[in-house]
PDB file of N, CA and C in Angstrom:
ATOM      1  N   MET A   1      24.452  76.467 -60.651  1.00  0.00           N
ATOM      2  CA  MET A   1      24.329  75.258 -61.397  1.00  0.00           C
ATOM      3  C   MET A   1      25.158  74.592 -60.851  1.00  0.00           C
ATOM      4  N   LEU A   2      26.245  74.807 -59.941  1.00  0.00           N
ATOM      5  CA  LEU A   2      27.544  74.194 -59.092  1.00  0.00           C
ATOM      6  C   LEU A   2      26.538  73.829 -58.138  1.00  0.00           C
ATOM      7  N   ALA A   3      25.786  74.533 -57.198  1.00  0.00           N
ATOM      8  CA  ALA A   3      24.811  74.350 -56.122  1.00  0.00           C
ATOM      9  C   ALA A   3      23.965  73.206 -56.207  1.00  0.00           C
ATOM     10  N   ALA A   4      23.355  72.934 -57.172  1.00  0.00           N
ATOM     11  CA  ALA A   4      22.336  71.650 -57.636  1.00  0.00           C
ATOM     12  C   ALA A   4      23.096  70.510 -57.497  1.00  0.00           C
ATOM     13  N   SER A   5      24.257  70.285 -57.878  1.00  0.00           N
ATOM     14  CA  SER A   5      25.059  69.084 -58.017  1.00  0.00           C
ATOM     15  C   SER A   5      25.698  68.759 -57.154  1.00  0.00           C
ATOM     16  N   ALA A   6      25.491  69.631 -55.830  1.00  0.00           N
ATOM     17  CA  ALA A   6      26.230  69.218 -54.654  1.00  0.00           C
ATOM     18  C   ALA A   6      25.309  68.745 -53.468  1.00  0.00           C
ATOM     19  N   TRP A   7      23.841  68.475 -54.149  1.00  0.00           N
ATOM     20  CA  TRP A   7      22.975  67.670 -53.593  1.00  0.00           C
ATOM     21  C   TRP A   7      23.157  66.196 -52.714  1.00  0.00           C
ATOM     22  N   PRO A   8      22.880  66.053 -51.718  1.00  0.00           N
ATOM     23  CA  PRO A   8      23.030  64.702 -51.105  1.00  0.00           C
ATOM     24  C   PRO A   8      22.896  63.758 -52.129  1.00  0.00           C
ATOM     25  N   ALA A   9      23.335  62.494 -52.473  1.00  0.00           N
ATOM     26  CA  ALA A   9      22.723  61.253 -52.950  1.00  0.00           C
ATOM     27  C   ALA A   9      21.458  60.660 -52.637  1.00  0.00           C
ATOM     28  N   ALA A  10      21.241  61.003 -51.561  1.00  0.00           N
ATOM     29  CA  ALA A  10      19.625  60.263 -50.884  1.00  0.00           C
ATOM     30  C   ALA A  10      18.845  61.353 -51.244  1.00  0.00           C
ATOM     31  N   ASP A  11      19.051  62.412 -51.555  1.00  0.00           N
ATOM     32  CA  ASP A  11      18.191  63.577 -52.186  1.00  0.00           C
ATOM     33  C   ASP A  11      17.238  63.121 -53.243  1.00  0.00           C
ATOM     34  N   ALA A  12      18.413  62.123 -54.356  1.00  0.00           N
ATOM     35  CA  ALA A  12      18.195  61.895 -55.454  1.00  0.00           C
ATOM     36  C   ALA A  12      17.223  60.763 -55.757  1.00  0.00           C
ATOM     37  N   LEU A  13      17.218  60.659 -54.476  1.00  0.00           N
ATOM     38  CA  LEU A  13      16.353  58.935 -54.641  1.00  0.00           C
ATOM     39  C   LEU A  13      14.857  59.502 -54.008  1.00  0.00           C
ATOM     40  N   ALA A  14      14.764  60.365 -53.246  1.00  0.00           N
ATOM     41  CA  ALA A  14      13.623  60.630 -52.523  1.00  0.00           C
ATOM     42  C   ALA A  14      12.561  60.911 -54.113  1.00  0.00           C
ATOM     43  N   ASP A  15      10.996  60.639 -53.722  1.00  0.00           N
ATOM     44  CA  ASP A  15      10.611  60.657 -54.700  1.00  0.00           C
ATOM     45  C   ASP A  15       9.695  61.853 -54.399  1.00  0.00           C
ATOM     46  N   GLY A  16       8.535  62.336 -55.471  1.00  0.00           N
ATOM     47  CA  GLY A  16       8.011  64.045 -55.517  1.00  0.00           C
ATOM     48  C   GLY A  16       7.761  64.189 -54.539  1.00  0.00           C
ATOM     49  N   ARG A  17       6.977  63.427 -53.306  1.00  0.00           N
ATOM     50  CA  ARG A  17       6.553  63.503 -52.147  1.00  0.00           C
ATOM     51  C   ARG A  17       7.845  63.852 -50.669  1.00  0.00           C
ATOM     52  N   GLY A  18       9.026  63.995 -51.142  1.00  0.00           N
ATOM     53  CA  GLY A  18       9.875  64.121 -50.194  1.00  0.00           C
ATOM     54  C   GLY A  18      10.202  62.683 -49.220  1.00  0.00           C
ATOM     55  N   ARG A  19       9.711  61.665 -49.778  1.00  0.00           N
ATOM     56  CA  ARG A  19       9.721  60.154 -48.975  1.00  0.00           C
ATOM     57  C   ARG A  19      10.728  59.510 -49.873  1.00  0.00           C
ATOM     58  N   ARG A  20      11.748  58.721 -49.342  1.00  0.00           N
ATOM     59  CA  ARG A  20      12.541  57.849 -50.208  1.00  0.00           C
ATOM     60  C   ARG A  20      11.647  56.644 -50.678  1.00  0.00           C
ATOM     61  N   GLY A  21      12.204  56.283 -51.790  1.00  0.00           N
ATOM     62  CA  GLY A  21      11.894  55.214 -52.340  1.00  0.00           C
ATOM     63  C   GLY A  21      11.867  53.848 -52.273  1.00  0.00           C
ATOM     64  N   PRO A  22      11.378  53.144 -52.760  1.00  0.00           N
ATOM     65  CA  PRO A  22      11.672  51.545 -52.241  1.00  0.00           C
ATOM     66  C   PRO A  22      13.113  51.028 -52.339  1.00  0.00           C
ATOM     67  N   ASP A  23      13.963  51.324 -53.026  1.00  0.00           N
ATOM     68  CA  ASP A  23      15.136  51.123 -53.552  1.00  0.00           C
ATOM     69  C   ASP A  23      16.102  51.371 -52.043  1.00  0.00           C
ATOM     70  N   ARG A  24      15.880  52.333 -51.679  1.00  0.00           N
ATOM     71  CA  ARG A  24      16.548  53.011 -50.741  1.00  0.00           C
ATOM     72  C   ARG A  24      16.292  52.524 -49.413  1.00  0.00           C
ATOM     73  N   THR A  25      15.216  51.861 -49.246  1.00  0.00           N
ATOM     74  CA  THR A  25      14.409  51.295 -47.768  1.00  0.00           C
ATOM     75  C   THR A  25      15.190  49.986 -47.742  1.00  0.00           C
ATOM     76  N   MET A  26      15.500  49.355 -48.937  1.00  0.00           N
ATOM     77  CA  MET A  26      16.047  47.828 -48.923  1.00  0.00           C
ATOM     78  C   MET A  26      17.363  47.861 -48.615  1.00  0.00           C
ATOM     79  N   ALA A  27      18.045  49.101 -49.403  1.00  0.00           N
ATOM     80  CA  ALA A  27      19.651  49.340 -49.187  1.00  0.00           C
ATOM     81  C   ALA A  27      19.841  49.553 -47.544  1.00  0.00           C
ATOM     82  N   GLU A  28      18.885  50.267 -46.948  1.00  0.00           N
ATOM     83  CA  GLU A  28      19.434  50.400 -45.310  1.00  0.00           C
ATOM     84  C   GLU A  28      19.154  48.872 -44.339  1.00  0.00           C
ATOM     85  N   ARG A  29      18.411  48.320 -44.829  1.00  0.00           N
ATOM     86  CA  ARG A  29      17.927  46.594 -44.193  1.00  0.00           C
ATOM     87  C   ARG A  29      19.469  45.861 -44.016  1.00  0.00           C
ATOM     88  N   ALA A  30      19.949  45.446 -42.998  1.00  0.00           N
ATOM     89  CA  ALA A  30      20.976  44.629 -42.327  1.00  0.00           C
ATOM     90  C   ALA A  30      20.611  43.271 -43.001  1.00  0.00           C
ATOM     91  N   LEU A  31      19.333  42.790 -43.202  1.00  0.00           N
ATOM     92  CA  LEU A  31      18.947  41.183 -43.755  1.00  0.00           C
ATOM     93  C   LEU A  31      17.540  41.559 -44.020  1.00  0.00           C
ATOM     94  N   SER A  32      17.299  40.796 -44.936  1.00  0.00           N
ATOM     95  CA  SER A  32      15.689  40.100 -45.221  1.00  0.00           C
ATOM     96  C   SER A  32      14.927  39.726 -44.554  1.00  0.00           C
ATOM     97  N   LEU A  33      13.810  39.637 -44.566  1.00  0.00           N
ATOM     98  CA  LEU A  33      12.890  38.747 -43.928  1.00  0.00           C
ATOM     99  C   LEU A  33      13.348  37.289 -43.674  1.00  0.00           C
ATOM    100  N   ASP A  34      13.547  36.905 -44.779  1.00  0.00           N
ATOM    101  CA  ASP A  34      14.233  35.133 -45.028  1.00  0.00           C
ATOM    102  C   ASP A  34      15.217  35.268 -44.107  1.00  0.00           C
ATOM    103  N   GLU A  35      16.219  36.024 -43.998  1.00  0.00           N
ATOM    104  CA  GLU A  35      17.536  35.413 -43.370  1.00  0.00           C
ATOM    105  C   GLU A  35      16.657  35.862 -41.609  1.00  0.00           C
ATOM    106  N   ALA A  36      16.487  36.725 -41.210  1.00  0.00           N
ATOM    107  CA  ALA A  36      15.553  36.772 -39.973  1.00  0.00           C
ATOM    108  C   ALA A  36      15.321  35.659 -39.336  1.00  0.00           C
ATOM    109  N   VAL A  37      14.287  34.957 -40.170  1.00  0.00           N
ATOM    110  CA  VAL A  37      13.519  33.808 -40.112  1.00  0.00           C
ATOM    111  C   VAL A  37      14.575  32.944 -39.802  1.00  0.00           C
ATOM    112  N   ALA A  38      15.010  32.554 -40.812  1.00  0.00           N
ATOM    113  CA  ALA A  38      16.182  31.465 -40.574  1.00  0.00           C
ATOM    114  C   ALA A  38      17.017  31.791 -38.988  1.00  0.00           C
ATOM    115  N   ARG A  39      17.330  32.872 -39.050  1.00  0.00           N
ATOM    116  CA  ARG A  39      18.597  33.292 -37.803  1.00  0.00           C
ATOM    117  C   ARG A  39      17.893  32.860 -36.583  1.00  0.00           C
ATOM    118  N   ALA A  40      16.371  33.266 -36.695  1.00  0.00           N
ATOM    119  CA  ALA A  40      15.808  33.042 -35.358  1.00  0.00           C
ATOM    120  C   ALA A  40      15.911  31.899 -35.144  1.00  0.00           C
ATOM    121  N   GLU A  41      15.236  30.230 -36.115  1.00  0.00           N
ATOM    122  CA  GLU A  41      14.983  29.187 -36.239  1.00  0.00           C
ATOM    123  C   GLU A  41      16.084  28.588 -35.629  1.00  0.00           C
ATOM    124  N   ARG A  42      17.573  29.407 -36.222  1.00  0.00           N
ATOM    125  CA  ARG A  42      18.783  28.809 -35.693  1.00  0.00           C
ATOM    126  C   ARG A  42      18.833  28.744 -34.194  1.00  0.00           C
ATOM    127  N   ARG A  43      18.778  30.243 -33.543  1.00  0.00           N
ATOM    128  CA  ARG A  43      19.281  30.881 -32.641  1.00  0.00           C
ATOM    129  C   ARG A  43      18.147  30.109 -31.311  1.00  0.00           C
ATOM    130  N   HIS A  44      16.997  29.997 -31.417  1.00  0.00           N
ATOM    131  CA  HIS A  44      16.006  29.835 -30.538  1.00  0.00           C
ATOM    132  C   HIS A  44      15.633  28.172 -30.844  1.00  0.00           C
ATOM    133  N   ASN A  45      16.183  27.714 -31.675  1.00  0.00           N
ATOM    134  CA  ASN A  45      16.119  25.947 -32.166  1.00  0.00           C
ATOM    135  C   ASN A  45      14.551  25.962 -32.315  1.00  0.00           C
ATOM    136  N   ALA A  46      14.018  26.202 -33.196  1.00  0.00           N
ATOM    137  CA  ALA A  46      12.725  26.411 -33.068  1.00  0.00           C
ATOM    138  C   ALA A  46      12.277  26.655 -34.559  1.00  0.00           C
ATOM    139  N   ARG A  47      10.771  26.486 -34.812  1.00  0.00           N
ATOM    140  CA  ARG A  47      10.397  26.204 -36.234  1.00  0.00           C
ATOM    141  C   ARG A  47       9.573  27.951 -36.867  1.00  0.00           C
ATOM    142  N   ALA A  48       9.712  28.681 -37.564  1.00  0.00           N
ATOM    143  CA  ALA A  48       8.751  29.736 -37.552  1.00  0.00           C
ATOM    144  C   ALA A  48       7.560  29.003 -38.401  1.00  0.00           C
ATOM    145  N   VAL A  49       6.637  29.749 -37.810  1.00  0.00           N
ATOM    146  CA  VAL A  49       5.368  29.434 -38.014  1.00  0.00           C
ATOM    147  C   VAL A  49       4.334  30.644 -38.933  1.00  0.00           C
ATOM    148  N   ARG A  50       4.800  31.832 -38.656  1.00  0.00           N
ATOM    149  CA  ARG A  50       4.640  33.031 -39.157  1.00  0.00           C
ATOM    150  C   ARG A  50       5.975  34.127 -39.140  1.00  0.00           C
ATOM    151  N   ALA A  51       5.537  34.821 -39.846  1.00  0.00           N
ATOM    152  CA  ALA A  51       6.714  36.167 -39.886  1.00  0.00           C
ATOM    153  C   ALA A  51       6.135  37.364 -41.077  1.00  0.00           C
ATOM    154  N   GLU A  52       6.301  38.347 -40.421  1.00  0.00           N
ATOM    155  CA  GLU A  52       5.693  39.246 -40.812  1.00  0.00           C
ATOM    156  C   GLU A  52       6.749  41.085 -40.702  1.00  0.00           C
ATOM    157  N   GLU A  53       6.555  41.758 -41.755  1.00  0.00           N
ATOM    158  CA  GLU A  53       6.886  43.168 -41.934  1.00  0.00           C
ATOM    159  C   GLU A  53       6.145  44.069 -41.287  1.00  0.00           C
ATOM    160  N   LYS A  54       6.758  44.780 -40.048  1.00  0.00           N
ATOM    161  CA  LYS A  54       6.236  46.146 -39.562  1.00  0.00           C
ATOM    162  C   LYS A  54       6.677  47.175 -39.772  1.00  0.00           C
ATOM    163  N   ARG A  55       6.031  48.452 -40.211  1.00  0.00           N
ATOM    164  CA  ARG A  55       6.863  49.961 -40.241  1.00  0.00           C
ATOM    165  C   ARG A  55       6.597  50.621 -39.189  1.00  0.00           C
ATOM    166  N   HIS A  56       7.661  51.217 -38.549  1.00  0.00           N
ATOM    167  CA  HIS A  56       7.152  52.385 -37.564  1.00  0.00           C
ATOM    168  C   HIS A  56       8.038  53.446 -37.901  1.00  0.00           C
ATOM    169  N   GLY A  57       7.279  54.239 -38.948  1.00  0.00           N
ATOM    170  CA  GLY A  57       7.748  55.606 -39.477  1.00  0.00           C
ATOM    171  C   GLY A  57       8.827  55.140 -40.497  1.00  0.00           C
ATOM    172  N   ASN A  58      10.025  55.279 -40.492  1.00  0.00           N
ATOM    173  CA  ASN A  58      11.220  54.517 -41.427  1.00  0.00           C
ATOM    174  C   ASN A  58      11.941  53.474 -40.746  1.00  0.00           C
ATOM    175  N   ARG A  59      11.750  53.092 -39.896  1.00  0.00           N
ATOM    176  CA  ARG A  59      11.947  51.793 -39.062  1.00  0.00           C
ATOM    177  C   ARG A  59      11.430  50.380 -39.607  1.00  0.00           C
ATOM    178  N   VAL A  60      12.224  49.732 -39.909  1.00  0.00           N
ATOM    179  CA  VAL A  60      11.683  48.163 -40.196  1.00  0.00           C
ATOM    180  C   VAL A  60      12.288  47.332 -39.349  1.00  0.00           C
ATOM    181  N   GLU A  61      10.845  46.689 -38.595  1.00  0.00           N
ATOM    182  CA  GLU A  61      10.812  45.408 -37.879  1.00  0.00           C
ATOM    183  C   GLU A  61      10.159  44.179 -38.295  1.00  0.00           C
ATOM    184  N   TYR A  62      10.798  43.259 -38.071  1.00  0.00           N
ATOM    185  CA  TYR A  62      10.141  42.042 -38.541  1.00  0.00           C
ATOM    186  C   TYR A  62       9.934  41.234 -37.063  1.00  0.00           C
ATOM    187  N   ARG A  63       8.435  40.959 -37.186  1.00  0.00           N
ATOM    188  CA  ARG A  63       8.010  40.052 -36.366  1.00  0.00           C
ATOM    189  C   ARG A  63       7.829  38.591 -36.500  1.00  0.00           C
ATOM    190  N   ILE A  64       8.565  37.645 -35.786  1.00  0.00           N
ATOM    191  CA  ILE A  64       8.727  36.339 -36.297  1.00  0.00           C
ATOM    192  C   ILE A  64       7.931  35.437 -35.052  1.00  0.00           C
ATOM    193  N   ARG A  65       7.144  34.395 -35.538  1.00  0.00           N
ATOM    194  CA  ARG A  65       6.316  33.751 -34.422  1.00  0.00           C
ATOM    195  C   ARG A  65       7.021  32.439 -34.708  1.00  0.00           C
ATOM    196  N   LEU A  66       7.757  31.983 -33.478  1.00  0.00           N
ATOM    197  CA  LEU A  66       8.096  30.579 -33.586  1.00  0.00           C
ATOM    198  C   LEU A  66       7.539  29.495 -32.676  1.00  0.00           C
ATOM    199  N   LEU A  67       7.785  27.941 -32.806  1.00  0.00           N
ATOM    200  CA  LEU A  67       6.969  26.873 -32.477  1.00  0.00           C
ATOM    201  C   LEU A  67       8.213  26.400 -31.867  1.00  0.00           C
ATOM    202  N   GLY A  68       8.424  26.130 -30.206  1.00  0.00           N
ATOM    203  CA  GLY A  68       9.297  25.295 -30.173  1.00  0.00           C
ATOM    204  C   GLY A  68       9.406  24.032 -29.987  1.00  0.00           C
ATOM    205  N   ASN A  69      10.621  23.264 -29.589  1.00  0.00           N
ATOM    206  CA  ASN A  69      10.103  21.692 -29.625  1.00  0.00           C
ATOM    207  C   ASN A  69       9.428  21.457 -28.532  1.00  0.00           C
ATOM    208  N   ASP A  70       9.328  21.989 -27.155  1.00  0.00           N
ATOM    209  CA  ASP A  70       8.556  21.934 -26.295  1.00  0.00           C
ATOM    210  C   ASP A  70       6.919  21.939 -26.661  1.00  0.00           C
ATOM    211  N   GLY A  71       6.465  22.568 -27.838  1.00  0.00           N
ATOM    212  CA  GLY A  71       5.361  23.238 -28.177  1.00  0.00           C
ATOM    213  C   GLY A  71       4.816  24.816 -27.655  1.00  0.00           C
ATOM    214  N   ARG A  72       6.100  25.223 -27.391  1.00  0.00           N
ATOM    215  CA  ARG A  72       5.448  26.716 -26.984  1.00  0.00           C
ATOM    216  C   ARG A  72       5.734  27.516 -27.855  1.00  0.00           C
ATOM    217  N   VAL A  73       4.353  28.055 -27.914  1.00  0.00           N
ATOM    218  CA  VAL A  73       4.789  29.068 -29.421  1.00  0.00           C
ATOM    219  C   VAL A  73       5.101  30.734 -28.805  1.00  0.00           C
ATOM    220  N   PHE A  74       6.191  31.333 -29.086  1.00  0.00           N
ATOM    221  CA  PHE A  74       6.415  32.815 -28.960  1.00  0.00           C
ATOM    222  C   PHE A  74       7.237  33.542 -30.029  1.00  0.00           C
ATOM    223  N   GLU A  75       6.831  34.850 -29.790  1.00  0.00           N
ATOM    224  CA  GLU A  75       7.555  35.668 -30.752  1.00  0.00           C
ATOM    225  C   GLU A  75       8.528  36.522 -30.528  1.00  0.00           C
ATOM    226  N   VAL A  76       9.390  36.586 -31.642  1.00  0.00           N
ATOM    227  CA  VAL A  76      10.629  37.393 -31.541  1.00  0.00           C
ATOM    228  C   VAL A  76      10.559  38.579 -32.509  1.00  0.00           C
ATOM    229  N   ARG A  77      11.200  39.882 -32.112  1.00  0.00           N
ATOM    230  CA  ARG A  77      11.298  40.739 -33.173  1.00  0.00           C
ATOM    231  C   ARG A  77      12.787  41.166 -33.528  1.00  0.00           C
ATOM    232  N   VAL A  78      13.066  41.646 -34.455  1.00  0.00           N
ATOM    233  CA  VAL A  78      14.004  41.593 -35.100  1.00  0.00           C
ATOM    234  C   VAL A  78      14.174  43.222 -35.852  1.00  0.00           C
ATOM    235  N   ASP A  79      14.969  43.942 -35.528  1.00  0.00           N
ATOM    236  CA  ASP A  79      15.406  45.277 -36.227  1.00  0.00           C
ATOM    237  C   ASP A  79      16.010  45.189 -37.722  1.00  0.00           C
ATOM    238  N   ALA A  80      15.321  45.253 -38.573  1.00  0.00           N
ATOM    239  CA  ALA A  80      16.257  44.930 -39.899  1.00  0.00           C
ATOM    240  C   ALA A  80      17.111  45.729 -40.210  1.00  0.00           C
ATOM    241  N   ALA A  81      17.280  47.018 -39.885  1.00  0.00           N
ATOM    242  CA  ALA A  81      18.326  47.808 -39.987  1.00  0.00           C
ATOM    243  C   ALA A  81      19.875  47.114 -39.157  1.00  0.00           C
ATOM    244  N   THR A  82      19.417  46.834 -38.335  1.00  0.00           N
ATOM    245  CA  THR A  82      20.634  46.045 -37.206  1.00  0.00           C
ATOM    246  C   THR A  82      20.802  44.514 -36.983  1.00  0.00           C
ATOM    247  N   GLY A  83      19.741  43.978 -37.253  1.00  0.00           N
ATOM    248  CA  GLY A  83      19.725  42.778 -37.070  1.00  0.00           C
ATOM    249  C   GLY A  83      19.586  42.024 -35.628  1.00  0.00           C
ATOM    250  N   ARG A  84      19.422  43.281 -34.969  1.00  0.00           N
ATOM    251  CA  ARG A  84      19.311  42.842 -33.302  1.00  0.00           C
ATOM    252  C   ARG A  84      18.033  42.215 -33.319  1.00  0.00           C
ATOM    253  N   GLU A  85      17.766  41.434 -32.578  1.00  0.00           N
ATOM    254  CA  GLU A  85      16.537  41.085 -32.117  1.00  0.00           C
ATOM    255  C   GLU A  85      16.059  41.772 -30.401  1.00  0.00           C
ATOM    256  N   GLY A  86      14.936  42.189 -30.351  1.00  0.00           N
ATOM    257  CA  GLY A  86      14.541  42.896 -29.358  1.00  0.00           C
ATOM    258  C   GLY A  86      13.228  42.557 -28.763  1.00  0.00           C
TER     259      GLY A  86
END
């Protein structure tokens, strides 16, 4: 009985198929998609025209398409867990 209570807390969050539930995924994110968009707009002095979330295994990346003041359209990628642009 004692061994069962010693399981890591992350195991309790896994669904029956061994995958982590949506609550755990959200907890691992440093910032939301909305926060990433706001940061990218400020950093690049541009307006977001599209933003989406892409998953790569257990990693989440935000792809934000921006329209610069010069009319140039470009994309930035932000790691959801670290908030780093890459």
